[in-house]
Every structure is written in C-alpha cells, then in structure tokens.
C-alpha atoms as a PDB file:
ATOM      1  CA  MET A   1      67.999  54.891 -35.504  1.00  0.00           C
ATOM      2  CA  LYS A   2      68.227  51.161 -36.030  1.00  0.00           C
ATOM      3  CA  THR A   3      64.796  51.151 -37.735  1.00  0.00           C
ATOM      4  CA  ILE A   4      65.853  53.879 -40.182  1.00  0.00           C
ATOM      5  CA  LYS A   5      69.059  51.971 -41.024  1.00  0.00           C
ATOM      6  CA  ASN A   6      67.062  48.765 -41.651  1.00  0.00           C
ATOM      7  CA  ASN A   7      64.560  50.636 -43.860  1.00  0.00           C
ATOM      8  CA  ILE A   8      67.384  52.177 -45.938  1.00  0.00           C
ATOM      9  CA  ILE A   9      69.003  48.745 -46.363  1.00  0.00           C
ATOM     10  CA  LYS A  10      65.643  47.253 -47.451  1.00  0.00           C
ATOM     11  CA  VAL A  11      65.056  50.040 -49.981  1.00  0.00           C
ATOM     12  CA  LEU A  12      68.579  49.718 -51.441  1.00  0.00           C
ATOM     13  CA  PHE A  13      68.207  45.936 -51.619  1.00  0.00           C
ATOM     14  CA  GLY A  14      64.858  46.359 -53.414  1.00  0.00           C
ATOM     15  CA  ILE A  15      66.414  48.754 -55.922  1.00  0.00           C
ATOM     16  CA  LEU A  16      69.254  46.283 -56.520  1.00  0.00           C
ATOM     17  CA  ILE A  17      66.830  43.407 -57.172  1.00  0.00           C
ATOM     18  CA  PHE A  18      64.654  45.555 -59.471  1.00  0.00           C
ATOM     19  CA  ALA A  19      67.705  46.763 -61.448  1.00  0.00           C
ATOM     20  CA  SER A  20      69.010  43.218 -61.805  1.00  0.00           C
ATOM     21  CA  PHE A  21      65.799  41.925 -63.382  1.00  0.00           C
ATOM     22  CA  SER A  22      65.192  44.939 -65.594  1.00  0.00           C
ATOM     23  CA  SER A  23      68.772  44.985 -66.941  1.00  0.00           C
ATOM     24  CA  CYS A  24      68.417  41.482 -68.412  1.00  0.00           C
ATOM     25  CA  ASP A  25      66.018  42.610 -71.136  1.00  0.00           C
ATOM     26  CA  GLU A  26      67.488  41.622 -74.535  1.00  0.00           C
ATOM     27  CA  ALA A  27      65.826  44.497 -76.395  1.00  0.00           C
ATOM     28  CA  GLY A  28      66.401  43.528 -79.995  1.00  0.00           C
ATOM     29  CA  ASP A  29      68.089  40.897 -82.073  1.00  0.00           C
ATOM     30  CA  PRO A  30      71.046  39.402 -80.167  1.00  0.00           C
ATOM     31  CA  ASN A  31      72.458  37.960 -83.414  1.00  0.00           C
ATOM     32  CA  PRO A  32      73.721  40.848 -85.562  1.00  0.00           C
ATOM     33  CA  GLY A  33      74.471  38.554 -88.518  1.00  0.00           C
ATOM     34  CA  GLY A  34      77.537  38.657 -90.727  1.00  0.00           C
ATOM     35  CA  THR A  35      78.930  40.691 -93.581  1.00  0.00           C
ATOM     36  CA  THR A  36      78.816  39.998 -97.301  1.00  0.00           C
ATOM     37  CA  THR A  37      82.511  39.126 -97.433  1.00  0.00           C
ATOM     38  CA  GLN A  38      82.929  37.312 -94.110  1.00  0.00           C
ATOM     39  CA  ASP A  39      83.918  34.024 -95.788  1.00  0.00           C
ATOM     40  CA  PHE A  40      86.893  35.726 -97.472  1.00  0.00           C
ATOM     41  CA  ALA A  41      88.171  37.862 -94.599  1.00  0.00           C
ATOM     42  CA  GLY A  42      91.264  36.936 -92.636  1.00  0.00           C
ATOM     43  CA  ASP A  43      95.026  37.066 -92.338  1.00  0.00           C
ATOM     44  CA  TRP A  44      97.236  35.660 -95.083  1.00  0.00           C
ATOM     45  CA  TYR A  45     100.908  34.794 -95.462  1.00  0.00           C
ATOM     46  CA  ILE A  46     101.762  35.824 -99.016  1.00  0.00           C
ATOM     47  CA  THR A  47     104.901  35.374-101.102  1.00  0.00           C
ATOM     48  CA  ILE A  48     105.445  38.054-103.751  1.00  0.00           C
ATOM     49  CA  THR A  49     107.353  37.194-106.932  1.00  0.00           C
ATOM     50  CA  ASN A  50     108.304  39.239-109.981  1.00  0.00           C
ATOM     51  CA  ALA A  51     107.703  38.337-113.632  1.00  0.00           C
ATOM     52  CA  ALA A  52     110.932  36.296-113.746  1.00  0.00           C
ATOM     53  CA  GLY A  53     109.752  34.201-110.794  1.00  0.00           C
ATOM     54  CA  ALA A  54     112.261  35.621-108.308  1.00  0.00           C
ATOM     55  CA  VAL A  55     110.953  36.085-104.761  1.00  0.00           C
ATOM     56  CA  GLU A  56     110.637  39.760-103.859  1.00  0.00           C
ATOM     57  CA  VAL A  57     109.056  39.284-100.405  1.00  0.00           C
ATOM     58  CA  ASP A  58     108.534  35.957 -98.624  1.00  0.00           C
ATOM     59  CA  HIS A  59     105.575  35.238 -96.314  1.00  0.00           C
ATOM     60  CA  ALA A  60     104.436  38.846 -95.824  1.00  0.00           C
ATOM     61  CA  LEU A  61     101.399  39.102 -93.573  1.00  0.00           C
ATOM     62  CA  HIS A  62      98.371  40.568 -95.385  1.00  0.00           C
ATOM     63  CA  HIS A  63      94.800  41.143 -94.198  1.00  0.00           C
ATOM     64  CA  THR A  64      91.466  41.077 -96.002  1.00  0.00           C
ATOM     65  CA  TYR A  65      88.406  42.597 -94.349  1.00  0.00           C
ATOM     66  CA  ASN A  66      84.997  44.042 -95.124  1.00  0.00           C
ATOM     67  CA  THR A  67      84.471  47.675 -96.094  1.00  0.00           C
ATOM     68  CA  SER A  68      81.899  49.731 -94.225  1.00  0.00           C
ATOM     69  CA  ALA A  69      79.695  49.712 -97.336  1.00  0.00           C
ATOM     70  CA  ASN A  70      79.149  45.940 -96.937  1.00  0.00           C
ATOM     71  CA  ASP A  71      78.585  45.626-100.691  1.00  0.00           C
ATOM     72  CA  ASN A  72      80.930  42.879-101.979  1.00  0.00           C
ATOM     73  CA  THR A  73      83.950  45.143-101.612  1.00  0.00           C
ATOM     74  CA  MET A  74      86.713  44.509 -99.157  1.00  0.00           C
ATOM     75  CA  TRP A  75      90.139  45.800 -98.234  1.00  0.00           C
ATOM     76  CA  ILE A  76      93.414  44.054 -98.910  1.00  0.00           C
ATOM     77  CA  ASP A  77      96.106  45.440 -96.619  1.00  0.00           C
ATOM     78  CA  ASP A  78      99.695  44.366 -95.934  1.00  0.00           C
ATOM     79  CA  ASP A  79     100.191  46.915 -93.133  1.00  0.00           C
ATOM     80  CA  LYS A  80     103.578  47.730 -94.716  1.00  0.00           C
ATOM     81  CA  HIS A  81     104.861  44.139 -94.435  1.00  0.00           C
ATOM     82  CA  GLY A  82     105.139  43.416 -98.148  1.00  0.00           C
ATOM     83  CA  TRP A  83     104.892  45.644-101.190  1.00  0.00           C
ATOM     84  CA  TYR A  84     102.959  48.416 -99.350  1.00  0.00           C
ATOM     85  CA  ILE A  85      99.467  47.724-100.599  1.00  0.00           C
ATOM     86  CA  LYS A  86      96.153  48.819 -99.162  1.00  0.00           C
ATOM     87  CA  CYS A  87      93.265  49.142-101.569  1.00  0.00           C
ATOM     88  CA  LYS A  88      89.654  48.168-102.087  1.00  0.00           C
ATOM     89  CA  ILE A  89      88.896  45.091-104.139  1.00  0.00           C
ATOM     90  CA  THR A  90      85.581  43.973-105.574  1.00  0.00           C
ATOM     91  CA  ILE A  91      84.898  40.318-104.886  1.00  0.00           C
ATOM     92  CA  ASN A  92      82.487  37.897-106.508  1.00  0.00           C
ATOM     93  CA  THR A  93      81.216  36.027-103.453  1.00  0.00           C
ATOM     94  CA  ALA A  94      79.922  33.147-105.579  1.00  0.00           C
ATOM     95  CA  ASP A  95      83.334  32.029-106.835  1.00  0.00           C
ATOM     96  CA  GLY A  96      85.904  34.008-104.797  1.00  0.00           C
ATOM     97  CA  THR A  97      87.362  35.965-107.717  1.00  0.00           C
ATOM     98  CA  PHE A  98      88.321  39.599-107.191  1.00  0.00           C
ATOM     99  CA  THR A  99      89.743  42.609-109.033  1.00  0.00           C
ATOM    100  CA  ALA A 100      90.691  46.229-108.501  1.00  0.00           C
ATOM    101  CA  THR A 101      91.073  48.705-111.342  1.00  0.00           C
ATOM    102  CA  ALA A 102      93.317  51.715-110.643  1.00  0.00           C
ATOM    103  CA  GLN A 103      92.307  51.840-106.975  1.00  0.00           C
ATOM    104  CA  PRO A 104      94.062  54.381-104.752  1.00  0.00           C
ATOM    105  CA  ASN A 105      96.861  52.733-102.790  1.00  0.00           C
ATOM    106  CA  ILE A 106      96.186  54.176 -99.341  1.00  0.00           C
ATOM    107  CA  ILE A 107      99.600  53.429 -97.744  1.00  0.00           C
ATOM    108  CA  ASP A 108     101.760  54.221-100.783  1.00  0.00           C
ATOM    109  CA  SER A 109     101.686  56.595-103.703  1.00  0.00           C
ATOM    110  CA  GLY A 110      99.564  56.216-106.805  1.00  0.00           C
ATOM    111  CA  THR A 111      97.123  53.475-107.676  1.00  0.00           C
ATOM    112  CA  VAL A 112      97.152  49.712-107.942  1.00  0.00           C
ATOM    113  CA  THR A 113      95.436  47.399-110.428  1.00  0.00           C
ATOM    114  CA  ILE A 114      94.742  43.827-109.347  1.00  0.00           C
ATOM    115  CA  THR A 115      93.897  41.075-111.835  1.00  0.00           C
ATOM    116  CA  GLU A 116      93.397  37.318-111.686  1.00  0.00           C
ATOM    117  CA  GLY A 117      92.464  37.510-108.009  1.00  0.00           C
ATOM    118  CA  LYS A 118      91.096  34.328-106.455  1.00  0.00           C
ATOM    119  CA  ILE A 119      90.428  32.992-102.953  1.00  0.00           C
ATOM    120  CA  GLU A 120      90.077  29.217-103.016  1.00  0.00           C
ATOM    121  CA  LYS A 121      88.592  27.326-100.077  1.00  0.00           C
ATOM    122  CA  GLY A 122      90.778  24.467 -98.831  1.00  0.00           C
ATOM    123  CA  ALA A 123      93.322  24.784-101.669  1.00  0.00           C
ATOM    124  CA  GLY A 124      96.342  25.847 -99.613  1.00  0.00           C
ATOM    125  CA  LEU A 125      98.683  24.352 -97.043  1.00  0.00           C
ATOM    126  CA  SER A 126     100.022  26.138 -93.991  1.00  0.00           C
ATOM    127  CA  LYS A 127     103.648  25.957 -92.862  1.00  0.00           C
ATOM    128  CA  ALA A 128     102.882  22.880 -90.716  1.00  0.00           C
ATOM    129  CA  GLY A 129     100.764  21.225 -93.424  1.00  0.00           C
ATOM    130  CA  HIS A 130      97.230  22.150 -92.327  1.00  0.00           C
ATOM    131  CA  VAL A 131      94.693  22.510 -95.147  1.00  0.00           C
ATOM    132  CA  VAL A 132      93.712  26.184 -95.391  1.00  0.00           C
ATOM    133  CA  ASP A 133      92.352  28.668 -97.930  1.00  0.00           C
ATOM    134  CA  LYS A 134      94.593  29.963-100.718  1.00  0.00           C
ATOM    135  CA  ILE A 135      94.817  33.484-102.138  1.00  0.00           C
ATOM    136  CA  SER A 136      96.456  34.552-105.401  1.00  0.00           C
ATOM    137  CA  PHE A 137      96.469  37.664-107.576  1.00  0.00           C
ATOM    138  CA  LYS A 138      98.622  39.802-109.850  1.00  0.00           C
ATOM    139  CA  ALA A 139      99.238  43.486-109.170  1.00  0.00           C
ATOM    140  CA  VAL A 140     100.635  46.434-111.096  1.00  0.00           C
ATOM    141  CA  PHE A 141     101.435  49.708-109.321  1.00  0.00           C
ATOM    142  CA  SER A 142     101.053  53.019-111.162  1.00  0.00           C
ATOM    143  CA  TYR A 143     104.564  54.177-110.236  1.00  0.00           C
ATOM    144  CA  ASP A 144     106.084  51.105-112.006  1.00  0.00           C
ATOM    145  CA  THR A 145     103.705  49.842-114.698  1.00  0.00           C
ATOM    146  CA  ALA A 146     106.401  47.662-116.275  1.00  0.00           C
ATOM    147  CA  THR A 147     106.568  45.412-113.191  1.00  0.00           C
ATOM    148  CA  LYS A 148     103.804  42.843-112.744  1.00  0.00           C
ATOM    149  CA  LEU A 149     103.988  41.150-109.347  1.00  0.00           C
ATOM    150  CA  THR A 150     102.410  37.814-108.462  1.00  0.00           C
ATOM    151  CA  PHE A 151     101.019  37.347-104.941  1.00  0.00           C
ATOM    152  CA  VAL A 152     100.347  33.772-103.755  1.00  0.00           C
ATOM    153  CA  GLY A 153      99.691  32.698-100.202  1.00  0.00           C
ATOM    154  CA  HIS A 154      97.671  30.833 -97.641  1.00  0.00           C
ATOM    155  CA  LYS A 155      95.382  31.745 -94.767  1.00  0.00           C
ATOM    156  CA  ARG A 156      96.879  32.156 -91.315  1.00  0.00           C
ATOM    157  CA  THR A 157      95.754  29.470 -88.843  1.00  0.00           C
ATOM    158  CA  GLY A 158      96.847  31.133 -85.618  1.00  0.00           C
ATOM    159  CA  PHE A 159      98.689  27.961 -84.516  1.00  0.00           C
ATOM    160  CA  LEU A 160     102.222  28.599 -83.287  1.00  0.00           C
ATOM    161  CA  GLU A 161     103.716  25.989 -85.636  1.00  0.00           C
ATOM    162  CA  ASP A 162     102.251  27.871 -88.633  1.00  0.00           C
ATOM    163  CA  GLU A 163     103.682  31.306 -87.792  1.00  0.00           C
ATOM    164  CA  TYR A 164     106.560  32.767 -89.824  1.00  0.00           C
END
C-alpha cells in the first residue's frame, strides 16, 4: 500500500513539474503594440463656455479613447458630466488637430459638429501647476445650432492635489 501511495505521489509530482515548464511558453509576441491614437487618449478636466464667455460647466471630466477601428478616429466622451457629449472625432496624429462633422451624439439627441479641435502636448497646467497636455475645441449641437460652445481643458494627472 505504501509503495502504491509513493508511486502516485511521484507521478503527480512529475505531472506538476512537466506542466510548470510547458506553461511558460510565450507563444507569440508578448508586446501587442499600441493604437494609432494612444498619444491623445486620456482623461481631461474641461471648462465649457458659451459665445459670451460665460462658464456653462466648470472642470467637467471628459475622456478620449481609441475606436475599435484603430484608424485615426477616437471617442470623446463626458460620461454625462458636462454638456452630454459622446461622439467620434477624426484626429490628425501629426499635429493633434481634430474635427467631427454632424456625428451622432450617442448619449444625447441629435448630432454634434466639432471644429477647431486641438490637443497640444505640454501646453496646459493642472490645478496644482503641473505641466500637462491641453485640449480645446468648439462644438455645436443639432438641437441648438445657434449656440456655439467652447471647450478648453487640461489632461488629468491622477495626483490627488490635481483632482476637482
């Protein structure tokens, strides 16, 4: 009985060792690479003003992220923190400019047109004074074409002293 128990333990130990070495095979490229818009993706604190310069929404958290197409388009999304905007924008990765022409506004009614969009590296300051990226654009919503809103903000650092 003791011999059978020892043999079973040896076999299980052998299987464990074999599985350990065979499971370490990388099998492919361990570096998946990035996306076309990775340098422009992130979280942004944006202040929204109207044509008269009055603040409509102050420091609303927005997000920019890659679309699944990975083709120089990305999403801009305020997750209902600002003026309820979520649409695709087309970005020029060489200079950071972007636009959207009558794009469906996914979290609100109608469409949105974005002009004069720009993401500038190192051109903004966070709440605590850290140098960060800056974002700015103008938007017109189809349900109120007479109102042109200006969005200007800076990239979120993640530091507690920079949170709003």
